[in-house]
Amino acid sequence: MEERPRPHARRASFLARHREKFVTAGLLGLTIALGAATADELLDLGLFPTRLEREARDLIAQFADDERTRREAAAKLMRDVEPFVAIPELIRALDSREARIRQLAAECLRKLARVEHGYDPNAPVAERRAAIARWRRWWRENEERF
């Protein structure tokens, strides 16, 4: 009677035969993840937000709520979130579809940054985008201060 190989022996030989493929696939996956994370950081894509960035985004999302909630969220953002995290998130919020969010984001930015870039939350889209570009340029030039 012929002895059948044990299942774990077949599994071990399968892993041994394909080990190089598994290692290559793992390294490729890691390379892609690191590349995406690096690109996210360099290009400010927001693909991998930190806990603080998520907290800032959650608070900014509350800017669309009733007046009391809006003001509490703005106060908490300015009090609890570091400016180096809050400012880029507020600049992103300037491009929101909701005027209430844009308006409160602009107020918070002016208070945190102590500068004015002529942003009007009710201006036409082209004017708002030009002001947002000025804010982004200012942030690139000044982020090390925060």
C-alpha atoms as a PDB file:
ATOM      1  CA  MET A   1       0.000   0.000   0.000  1.00  0.00           C
ATOM      2  CA  GLU A   2       1.348   3.340  -1.059  1.00  0.00           C
ATOM      3  CA  GLU A   3       1.758   5.960   1.663  1.00  0.00           C
ATOM      4  CA  ARG A   4       0.045   9.269   0.926  1.00  0.00           C
ATOM      5  CA  PRO A   5       1.879  12.471   1.787  1.00  0.00           C
ATOM      6  CA  ARG A   6       0.503  14.254   4.808  1.00  0.00           C
ATOM      7  CA  PRO A   7      -1.445  17.500   4.071  1.00  0.00           C
ATOM      8  CA  HIS A   8       0.984  19.681   6.049  1.00  0.00           C
ATOM      9  CA  ALA A   9       3.879  18.222   4.036  1.00  0.00           C
ATOM     10  CA  ARG A  10       2.195  19.269   0.793  1.00  0.00           C
ATOM     11  CA  ARG A  11       1.525  22.718   2.237  1.00  0.00           C
ATOM     12  CA  ALA A  12       5.143  23.115   3.278  1.00  0.00           C
ATOM     13  CA  SER A  13       6.356  22.171  -0.167  1.00  0.00           C
ATOM     14  CA  PHE A  14       3.879  24.598  -1.758  1.00  0.00           C
ATOM     15  CA  LEU A  15       5.186  27.417   0.470  1.00  0.00           C
ATOM     16  CA  ALA A  16       8.767  26.386  -0.206  1.00  0.00           C
ATOM     17  CA  ARG A  17       8.170  26.347  -3.956  1.00  0.00           C
ATOM     18  CA  HIS A  18       6.467  29.755  -3.975  1.00  0.00           C
ATOM     19  CA  ARG A  19       8.370  31.523  -1.203  1.00  0.00           C
ATOM     20  CA  GLU A  20      10.172  33.836  -3.625  1.00  0.00           C
ATOM     21  CA  LYS A  21       6.866  34.870  -5.236  1.00  0.00           C
ATOM     22  CA  PHE A  22       5.359  35.623  -1.823  1.00  0.00           C
ATOM     23  CA  VAL A  23       8.361  37.678  -0.776  1.00  0.00           C
ATOM     24  CA  THR A  24       8.342  39.568  -4.075  1.00  0.00           C
ATOM     25  CA  ALA A  25       4.610  40.267  -3.793  1.00  0.00           C
ATOM     26  CA  GLY A  26       5.028  41.461  -0.204  1.00  0.00           C
ATOM     27  CA  LEU A  27       7.892  43.756  -1.124  1.00  0.00           C
ATOM     28  CA  LEU A  28       5.948  45.105  -4.082  1.00  0.00           C
ATOM     29  CA  GLY A  29       2.943  45.813  -1.852  1.00  0.00           C
ATOM     30  CA  LEU A  30       5.131  47.566   0.701  1.00  0.00           C
ATOM     31  CA  THR A  31       6.820  49.617  -2.014  1.00  0.00           C
ATOM     32  CA  ILE A  32       3.467  50.701  -3.419  1.00  0.00           C
ATOM     33  CA  ALA A  33       2.159  51.625   0.046  1.00  0.00           C
ATOM     34  CA  LEU A  34       5.299  53.614   0.858  1.00  0.00           C
ATOM     35  CA  GLY A  35       5.211  55.273  -2.544  1.00  0.00           C
ATOM     36  CA  ALA A  36       1.576  56.250  -2.090  1.00  0.00           C
ATOM     37  CA  ALA A  37       2.249  57.536   1.426  1.00  0.00           C
ATOM     38  CA  THR A  38       5.222  59.570   0.179  1.00  0.00           C
ATOM     39  CA  ALA A  39       3.231  60.944  -2.752  1.00  0.00           C
ATOM     40  CA  ASP A  40       0.387  61.753  -0.365  1.00  0.00           C
ATOM     41  CA  GLU A  41       2.741  63.688   1.883  1.00  0.00           C
ATOM     42  CA  LEU A  42       4.528  65.486  -0.950  1.00  0.00           C
ATOM     43  CA  LEU A  43       1.422  66.333  -2.964  1.00  0.00           C
ATOM     44  CA  ASP A  44      -0.915  66.867  -0.004  1.00  0.00           C
ATOM     45  CA  LEU A  45      -3.482  64.423  -1.397  1.00  0.00           C
ATOM     46  CA  GLY A  46      -5.046  63.581   1.959  1.00  0.00           C
ATOM     47  CA  LEU A  47      -5.073  59.821   1.294  1.00  0.00           C
ATOM     48  CA  PHE A  48      -3.600  58.879   4.670  1.00  0.00           C
ATOM     49  CA  PRO A  49      -4.815  61.424   7.221  1.00  0.00           C
ATOM     50  CA  THR A  50      -3.386  61.296  10.720  1.00  0.00           C
ATOM     51  CA  ARG A  51      -5.591  61.102  13.808  1.00  0.00           C
ATOM     52  CA  LEU A  52      -5.232  64.859  14.291  1.00  0.00           C
ATOM     53  CA  GLU A  53      -6.111  65.561  10.663  1.00  0.00           C
ATOM     54  CA  ARG A  54      -9.215  63.369  10.984  1.00  0.00           C
ATOM     55  CA  GLU A  55     -10.161  65.217  14.178  1.00  0.00           C
ATOM     56  CA  ALA A  56      -9.727  68.572  12.424  1.00  0.00           C
ATOM     57  CA  ARG A  57     -11.828  67.381   9.457  1.00  0.00           C
ATOM     58  CA  ASP A  58     -14.570  66.125  11.794  1.00  0.00           C
ATOM     59  CA  LEU A  59     -14.686  69.477  13.566  1.00  0.00           C
ATOM     60  CA  ILE A  60     -14.707  71.386  10.271  1.00  0.00           C
ATOM     61  CA  ALA A  61     -17.602  69.206   9.070  1.00  0.00           C
ATOM     62  CA  GLN A  62     -19.582  70.535  12.064  1.00  0.00           C
ATOM     63  CA  PHE A  63     -19.205  74.078  10.678  1.00  0.00           C
ATOM     64  CA  ALA A  64     -22.342  73.337   8.606  1.00  0.00           C
ATOM     65  CA  ASP A  65     -24.488  72.610  11.689  1.00  0.00           C
ATOM     66  CA  ASP A  66     -26.553  75.007  13.798  1.00  0.00           C
ATOM     67  CA  GLU A  67     -24.869  78.192  15.050  1.00  0.00           C
ATOM     68  CA  ARG A  68     -24.075  76.907  18.548  1.00  0.00           C
ATOM     69  CA  THR A  69     -22.494  73.670  17.251  1.00  0.00           C
ATOM     70  CA  ARG A  70     -20.556  75.604  14.619  1.00  0.00           C
ATOM     71  CA  ARG A  71     -19.058  77.977  17.155  1.00  0.00           C
ATOM     72  CA  GLU A  72     -18.239  75.180  19.591  1.00  0.00           C
ATOM     73  CA  ALA A  73     -16.521  73.199  16.837  1.00  0.00           C
ATOM     74  CA  ALA A  74     -14.524  76.258  15.779  1.00  0.00           C
ATOM     75  CA  ALA A  75     -13.488  76.983  19.356  1.00  0.00           C
ATOM     76  CA  LYS A  76     -12.471  73.347  19.918  1.00  0.00           C
ATOM     77  CA  LEU A  77     -10.503  73.302  16.671  1.00  0.00           C
ATOM     78  CA  MET A  78      -8.599  76.442  17.607  1.00  0.00           C
ATOM     79  CA  ARG A  79      -8.039  75.270  21.188  1.00  0.00           C
ATOM     80  CA  ASP A  80      -7.298  71.550  20.784  1.00  0.00           C
ATOM     81  CA  VAL A  81      -5.798  71.061  17.329  1.00  0.00           C
ATOM     82  CA  GLU A  82      -2.273  72.238  16.654  1.00  0.00           C
ATOM     83  CA  PRO A  83      -2.102  75.037  14.061  1.00  0.00           C
ATOM     84  CA  PHE A  84       0.267  73.023  11.848  1.00  0.00           C
ATOM     85  CA  VAL A  85      -2.575  70.490  11.472  1.00  0.00           C
ATOM     86  CA  ALA A  86      -5.556  72.859  11.559  1.00  0.00           C
ATOM     87  CA  ILE A  87      -4.336  75.422   9.022  1.00  0.00           C
ATOM     88  CA  PRO A  88      -3.997  73.062   6.015  1.00  0.00           C
ATOM     89  CA  GLU A  89      -7.380  71.510   6.844  1.00  0.00           C
ATOM     90  CA  LEU A  90      -8.967  74.960   7.066  1.00  0.00           C
ATOM     91  CA  ILE A  91      -7.414  75.920   3.732  1.00  0.00           C
ATOM     92  CA  ARG A  92      -9.005  72.777   2.241  1.00  0.00           C
ATOM     93  CA  ALA A  93     -12.334  73.804   3.782  1.00  0.00           C
ATOM     94  CA  LEU A  94     -12.214  77.137   1.923  1.00  0.00           C
ATOM     95  CA  ASP A  95     -13.143  75.135  -1.179  1.00  0.00           C
ATOM     96  CA  SER A  96     -16.236  73.594   0.438  1.00  0.00           C
ATOM     97  CA  ARG A  97     -19.556  73.626  -1.400  1.00  0.00           C
ATOM     98  CA  GLU A  98     -21.225  75.095   1.690  1.00  0.00           C
ATOM     99  CA  ALA A  99     -20.842  78.834   2.281  1.00  0.00           C
ATOM    100  CA  ARG A 100     -21.254  78.378   6.058  1.00  0.00           C
ATOM    101  CA  ILE A 101     -18.234  76.074   6.179  1.00  0.00           C
ATOM    102  CA  ARG A 102     -16.185  78.420   3.955  1.00  0.00           C
ATOM    103  CA  GLN A 103     -17.097  81.430   6.077  1.00  0.00           C
ATOM    104  CA  LEU A 104     -16.144  79.889   9.426  1.00  0.00           C
ATOM    105  CA  ALA A 105     -12.992  78.286   7.975  1.00  0.00           C
ATOM    106  CA  ALA A 106     -11.897  81.727   6.738  1.00  0.00           C
ATOM    107  CA  GLU A 107     -12.531  83.254  10.181  1.00  0.00           C
ATOM    108  CA  CYS A 108     -10.511  80.520  11.925  1.00  0.00           C
ATOM    109  CA  LEU A 109      -7.680  80.864   9.410  1.00  0.00           C
ATOM    110  CA  ARG A 110      -7.470  84.629   9.935  1.00  0.00           C
ATOM    111  CA  LYS A 111      -7.296  84.128  13.706  1.00  0.00           C
ATOM    112  CA  LEU A 112      -4.716  81.332  13.594  1.00  0.00           C
ATOM    113  CA  ALA A 113      -2.508  82.788  10.879  1.00  0.00           C
ATOM    114  CA  ARG A 114      -2.983  86.446  11.759  1.00  0.00           C
ATOM    115  CA  VAL A 115      -2.991  87.347   8.066  1.00  0.00           C
ATOM    116  CA  GLU A 116      -5.627  88.260   5.504  1.00  0.00           C
ATOM    117  CA  HIS A 117      -5.607  87.046   1.909  1.00  0.00           C
ATOM    118  CA  GLY A 118      -8.785  88.663   0.657  1.00  0.00           C
ATOM    119  CA  TYR A 119     -10.893  85.517   0.787  1.00  0.00           C
ATOM    120  CA  ASP A 120     -14.647  86.109   0.459  1.00  0.00           C
ATOM    121  CA  PRO A 121     -16.716  82.945   1.059  1.00  0.00           C
ATOM    122  CA  ASN A 122     -19.520  84.344  -1.109  1.00  0.00           C
ATOM    123  CA  ALA A 123     -17.352  85.458  -4.029  1.00  0.00           C
ATOM    124  CA  PRO A 124     -17.555  83.741  -7.418  1.00  0.00           C
ATOM    125  CA  VAL A 125     -15.658  80.450  -7.678  1.00  0.00           C
ATOM    126  CA  ALA A 126     -12.769  81.930  -9.692  1.00  0.00           C
ATOM    127  CA  GLU A 127     -12.117  84.632  -7.071  1.00  0.00           C
ATOM    128  CA  ARG A 128     -12.314  82.109  -4.237  1.00  0.00           C
ATOM    129  CA  ARG A 129      -9.865  79.775  -5.980  1.00  0.00           C
ATOM    130  CA  ALA A 130      -7.404  82.645  -6.485  1.00  0.00           C
ATOM    131  CA  ALA A 131      -7.605  83.448  -2.761  1.00  0.00           C
ATOM    132  CA  ILE A 132      -7.193  79.761  -1.877  1.00  0.00           C
ATOM    133  CA  ALA A 133      -4.072  79.669  -4.063  1.00  0.00           C
ATOM    134  CA  ARG A 134      -2.733  82.657  -2.102  1.00  0.00           C
ATOM    135  CA  TRP A 135      -3.449  80.818   1.187  1.00  0.00           C
ATOM    136  CA  ARG A 136      -1.688  77.688  -0.071  1.00  0.00           C
ATOM    137  CA  ARG A 137       1.329  79.697  -1.205  1.00  0.00           C
ATOM    138  CA  TRP A 138       1.423  81.478   2.163  1.00  0.00           C
ATOM    139  CA  TRP A 139       1.254  78.116   3.970  1.00  0.00           C
ATOM    140  CA  ARG A 140       4.128  76.641   1.929  1.00  0.00           C
ATOM    141  CA  GLU A 141       6.227  79.692   2.790  1.00  0.00           C
ATOM    142  CA  ASN A 142       5.263  79.839   6.483  1.00  0.00           C
ATOM    143  CA  GLU A 143       4.440  76.340   7.739  1.00  0.00           C
ATOM    144  CA  GLU A 144       7.774  75.999   9.553  1.00  0.00           C
ATOM    145  CA  ARG A 145       6.704  78.846  11.872  1.00  0.00           C
ATOM    146  CA  PHE A 146       3.913  76.653  13.231  1.00  0.00           C
END
